[in-house]
Amino acid sequence: MLTNIHYFRHYRNYATQNRMRKVPKTADWVTFGRKSENTAALPQETSVLLNAAYKNETITYARNLSRNVVGLKDSAKMFVYDAMGHGYNDNFWHWIEEDIENFVSAYNGLRKIAKNTGHSALLTNFTARMDSHARLNRALILKLGVKINRQRELVFGGTVPANLRNQDMRSSLEPIADFFKSSYKSATGLLKHPLAEHMNFRSLDFYYNYRFGPAGENTLIQMERGVLVDVAV
């Protein structure tokens, strides 16, 4: 819209004329790349940069990615915390099942983002490692009632098997907790990378606008400075 207003104001005098303007068949000024004497030259080593902040698609992507990475880390941490004896009471299995549900949701959420967007090689590598991690521990997580489907997603029915409930809680969950400890460590490692590293967008729909700037400048540095805005009016 701002672009339309700019061009309307610039060409208003021409747009409001009633007579048709004849354009020569060969006009030097139509040639792309020709510079006017009054046109200020751009500084050397200048390029067109893409700004990715403030765009709804960008904000949604960043929010979903961040939410799922943090969700994976926190749910893994809470499972270990609960399983190792910090909540042995009537609500114990309720908290364990909630931890598993949150973990599965975040795990599948990250896989979906990596598969459907492909913007972040870092995320793609992370989800591939998590796939391998889950596959190697298939027998352990199956004890919790967590399965791996054909799409390599985790599936949890919401309730741990009855035979697990009848066992000594600490002895039965301690080996499984190692899976979540490793998952927590991996998610923590992923969070060490700035959000900008996940935002090498392939689709121009994710960019807000363009501007001139020094070649090689990271236009996403503003993401690391907190200029990520999600405002509902």
Protein backbone atom coordinates (compact mmCIF):
# COMPACT_ATOMS: atom_id res chain seq x y z
CA MET A 1 0.00 0.00 0.00
CA LEU A 2 2.83 2.39 0.82
CA THR A 3 4.37 1.64 -2.56
CA ASN A 4 1.09 2.42 -4.32
CA ILE A 5 0.76 5.74 -2.49
CA HIS A 6 4.33 6.64 -3.35
CA TYR A 7 3.86 5.98 -7.04
CA PHE A 8 0.47 7.65 -7.15
CA ARG A 9 1.89 10.85 -5.71
CA HIS A 10 4.88 10.71 -8.04
CA TYR A 11 2.80 10.14 -11.17
CA ARG A 12 -0.38 11.96 -10.15
CA ASN A 13 0.09 14.71 -12.72
CA TYR A 14 0.33 12.16 -15.49
CA ALA A 15 -2.51 10.00 -14.17
CA THR A 16 -4.97 12.92 -14.06
CA GLN A 17 -4.31 14.11 -17.61
CA ASN A 18 -7.19 13.54 -20.04
CA ARG A 19 -5.08 13.38 -23.17
CA MET A 20 -3.09 10.34 -24.16
CA ARG A 21 0.66 10.75 -24.09
CA LYS A 22 2.48 9.34 -27.08
CA VAL A 23 5.65 7.42 -26.29
CA PRO A 24 8.33 7.18 -28.99
CA LYS A 25 8.91 3.66 -30.25
CA THR A 26 12.54 3.92 -29.35
CA ALA A 27 13.12 5.85 -26.14
CA ASP A 28 16.55 5.87 -24.52
CA TRP A 29 15.03 6.49 -21.11
CA VAL A 30 13.20 3.16 -21.23
CA THR A 31 16.48 1.24 -21.22
CA PHE A 32 16.93 -0.51 -17.89
CA GLY A 33 20.15 0.24 -16.10
CA ARG A 34 20.66 3.69 -17.65
CA LYS A 35 21.51 6.27 -15.00
CA SER A 36 20.29 9.84 -15.00
CA GLU A 37 22.77 12.63 -14.40
CA ASN A 38 20.70 13.67 -11.37
CA THR A 39 20.56 10.18 -9.88
CA ALA A 40 22.78 9.81 -6.85
CA ALA A 41 25.12 6.86 -7.21
CA LEU A 42 24.80 4.12 -4.64
CA PRO A 43 27.78 3.54 -2.38
CA GLN A 44 30.11 0.83 -3.51
CA GLU A 45 29.57 -2.68 -2.10
CA THR A 46 25.85 -1.92 -1.69
CA SER A 47 23.18 -4.51 -2.32
CA VAL A 48 19.44 -4.96 -1.95
CA LEU A 49 18.63 -6.45 1.45
CA LEU A 50 15.48 -8.24 2.54
CA ASN A 51 13.84 -7.22 5.81
CA ALA A 52 12.01 -10.06 7.51
CA ALA A 53 10.64 -8.45 10.68
CA TYR A 54 7.04 -7.26 11.21
CA LYS A 55 5.71 -9.63 8.54
CA ASN A 56 2.86 -11.85 9.77
CA GLU A 57 4.29 -14.95 8.13
CA THR A 58 7.67 -14.27 9.69
CA ILE A 59 6.22 -13.74 13.15
CA THR A 60 4.11 -16.89 12.95
CA TYR A 61 7.10 -18.95 11.82
CA ALA A 62 9.36 -17.57 14.55
CA ARG A 63 6.69 -17.99 17.23
CA ASN A 64 5.88 -21.60 16.30
CA LEU A 65 9.52 -22.57 16.03
CA SER A 66 10.45 -20.98 19.36
CA ARG A 67 7.39 -22.37 21.13
CA ASN A 68 8.10 -25.94 20.03
CA VAL A 69 11.83 -25.90 20.78
CA VAL A 70 11.20 -24.51 24.27
CA GLY A 71 8.26 -26.88 24.68
CA LEU A 72 10.43 -29.89 23.83
CA LYS A 73 13.12 -28.80 26.25
CA ASP A 74 10.75 -27.99 29.12
CA SER A 75 8.60 -31.13 28.77
CA ALA A 76 11.72 -33.32 28.73
CA LYS A 77 12.96 -31.56 31.86
CA MET A 78 9.62 -31.93 33.63
CA PHE A 79 9.40 -35.63 32.81
CA VAL A 80 12.79 -36.24 34.42
CA TYR A 81 11.84 -34.06 37.39
CA ASP A 82 8.57 -35.90 37.95
CA ALA A 83 9.88 -39.38 37.19
CA MET A 84 12.79 -39.13 39.60
CA GLY A 85 10.57 -38.78 42.63
CA HIS A 86 9.67 -35.11 42.96
CA GLY A 87 5.95 -35.69 42.67
CA TYR A 88 5.00 -39.09 44.13
CA ASN A 89 1.38 -38.47 45.06
CA ASP A 90 -2.12 -39.10 43.73
CA ASN A 91 -1.40 -36.89 40.72
CA PHE A 92 1.87 -38.60 39.80
CA TRP A 93 0.71 -40.41 36.67
CA HIS A 94 -1.35 -37.43 35.61
CA TRP A 95 1.78 -35.25 35.57
CA ILE A 96 3.80 -37.95 33.80
CA GLU A 97 1.15 -38.27 31.08
CA GLU A 98 0.96 -34.52 30.71
CA ASP A 99 4.74 -34.35 30.32
CA ILE A 100 4.62 -37.01 27.62
CA GLU A 101 1.78 -35.28 25.75
CA ASN A 102 3.65 -31.98 25.78
CA PHE A 103 6.84 -33.66 24.58
CA VAL A 104 5.09 -35.50 21.74
CA SER A 105 3.28 -32.32 20.64
CA ALA A 106 6.51 -30.28 20.51
CA TYR A 107 8.44 -33.11 18.85
CA ASN A 108 5.87 -33.46 16.08
CA GLY A 109 5.53 -29.68 15.79
CA LEU A 110 9.22 -29.25 15.05
CA ARG A 111 9.18 -32.06 12.51
CA LYS A 112 6.23 -30.43 10.75
CA ILE A 113 7.97 -27.06 10.57
CA ALA A 114 11.18 -28.61 9.23
CA LYS A 115 9.32 -30.72 6.66
CA ASN A 116 6.88 -28.09 5.38
CA THR A 117 9.15 -25.03 5.23
CA GLY A 118 12.76 -26.09 4.76
CA HIS A 119 13.99 -22.65 5.80
CA SER A 120 16.39 -23.91 8.46
CA ALA A 121 19.09 -26.49 7.76
CA LEU A 122 19.86 -26.31 11.46
CA LEU A 123 16.31 -27.39 12.35
CA THR A 124 16.28 -30.10 9.68
CA ASN A 125 19.46 -31.61 11.10
CA PHE A 126 18.06 -31.40 14.62
CA THR A 127 14.83 -33.20 13.76
CA ALA A 128 16.80 -35.87 11.87
CA ARG A 129 18.89 -36.49 14.99
CA MET A 130 15.76 -36.63 17.13
CA ASP A 131 14.24 -39.15 14.71
CA SER A 132 17.31 -41.32 15.10
CA HIS A 133 17.26 -40.83 18.88
CA ALA A 134 13.62 -41.93 19.11
CA ARG A 135 14.16 -44.87 16.79
CA LEU A 136 17.10 -46.16 18.84
CA ASN A 137 15.00 -45.88 22.01
CA ARG A 138 11.81 -47.25 20.49
CA ALA A 139 11.55 -50.08 23.04
CA LEU A 140 11.94 -47.69 25.97
CA ILE A 141 9.37 -45.12 24.92
CA LEU A 142 6.97 -47.91 23.95
CA LYS A 143 6.82 -48.76 27.66
CA LEU A 144 5.24 -45.33 28.11
CA GLY A 145 2.72 -46.05 25.39
CA VAL A 146 4.54 -43.86 22.85
CA LYS A 147 4.73 -45.27 19.33
CA ILE A 148 6.41 -44.15 16.11
CA ASN A 149 4.09 -44.13 13.09
CA ARG A 150 4.95 -44.51 9.40
CA GLN A 151 5.48 -40.77 9.07
CA ARG A 152 8.04 -41.04 11.91
CA GLU A 153 5.84 -38.96 14.19
CA LEU A 154 5.36 -39.86 17.84
CA VAL A 155 1.91 -41.06 18.85
CA PHE A 156 0.63 -41.12 22.42
CA GLY A 157 -2.87 -42.15 23.45
CA GLY A 158 -2.86 -40.03 26.59
CA THR A 159 -2.50 -42.86 29.12
CA VAL A 160 0.54 -44.92 30.10
CA PRO A 161 0.03 -48.72 30.01
CA ALA A 162 -1.49 -50.33 33.11
CA ASN A 163 1.47 -52.69 33.58
CA LEU A 164 3.79 -49.69 33.96
CA ARG A 165 1.58 -48.24 36.69
CA ASN A 166 1.83 -51.48 38.66
CA GLN A 167 5.61 -51.40 38.77
CA ASP A 168 7.84 -49.53 41.17
CA MET A 169 7.71 -46.05 39.75
CA ARG A 170 11.31 -45.00 40.14
CA SER A 171 12.86 -48.27 38.96
CA SER A 172 10.54 -48.49 35.94
CA LEU A 173 10.96 -44.87 34.82
CA GLU A 174 14.64 -44.26 35.52
CA PRO A 175 15.90 -45.98 32.32
CA ILE A 176 13.27 -44.14 30.28
CA ALA A 177 14.30 -40.84 31.86
CA ASP A 178 17.66 -41.12 30.11
CA PHE A 179 15.86 -40.67 26.78
CA PHE A 180 14.36 -37.41 28.01
CA LYS A 181 17.66 -36.27 29.51
CA SER A 182 19.33 -36.63 26.12
CA SER A 183 16.40 -34.87 24.44
CA TYR A 184 16.69 -31.99 26.90
CA LYS A 185 20.41 -31.69 26.17
CA SER A 186 19.80 -31.63 22.41
CA ALA A 187 17.07 -28.99 22.66
CA THR A 188 19.25 -26.85 24.92
CA GLY A 189 22.03 -27.05 22.34
CA LEU A 190 19.65 -25.92 19.60
CA LEU A 191 18.61 -22.89 21.66
CA LYS A 192 22.22 -21.70 21.73
CA HIS A 193 21.81 -20.66 18.11
CA PRO A 194 20.16 -17.29 17.44
CA LEU A 195 16.72 -17.31 15.89
CA ALA A 196 18.09 -15.59 12.78
CA GLU A 197 19.93 -18.79 11.81
CA HIS A 198 16.57 -20.48 11.29
CA MET A 199 15.26 -17.75 9.00
CA ASN A 200 16.89 -18.27 5.63
CA PHE A 201 13.55 -17.98 3.91
CA ARG A 202 13.10 -19.51 0.48
CA SER A 203 9.77 -17.85 -0.16
CA LEU A 204 9.60 -14.08 -0.63
CA ASP A 205 6.24 -14.13 1.17
CA PHE A 206 8.20 -14.20 4.41
CA TYR A 207 9.97 -10.92 3.74
CA TYR A 208 8.52 -7.54 4.66
CA ASN A 209 10.26 -5.23 2.23
CA TYR A 210 13.56 -4.36 0.62
CA ARG A 211 16.16 -1.74 1.35
CA PHE A 212 19.69 -0.81 0.30
CA GLY A 213 22.52 -1.59 2.68
CA PRO A 214 26.12 -2.76 2.90
CA ALA A 215 26.72 -6.06 1.16
CA GLY A 216 26.78 -8.94 3.60
CA GLU A 217 24.82 -7.14 6.29
CA ASN A 218 22.54 -9.43 8.28
CA THR A 219 19.08 -7.89 8.01
CA LEU A 220 17.78 -10.33 10.60
CA ILE A 221 20.03 -8.97 13.36
CA GLN A 222 16.99 -7.01 14.52
CA MET A 223 15.40 -10.35 15.45
CA GLU A 224 18.15 -10.80 18.03
CA ARG A 225 17.46 -7.33 19.40
CA GLY A 226 13.84 -8.10 20.24
CA VAL A 227 12.18 -6.42 17.27
CA LEU A 228 9.71 -9.27 16.81
CA VAL A 229 6.24 -7.82 17.04
CA ASP A 230 2.91 -9.62 17.32
CA VAL A 231 0.27 -7.02 18.01
CA ALA A 232 -3.50 -7.47 17.81
CA VAL A 233 -5.50 -4.26 17.45
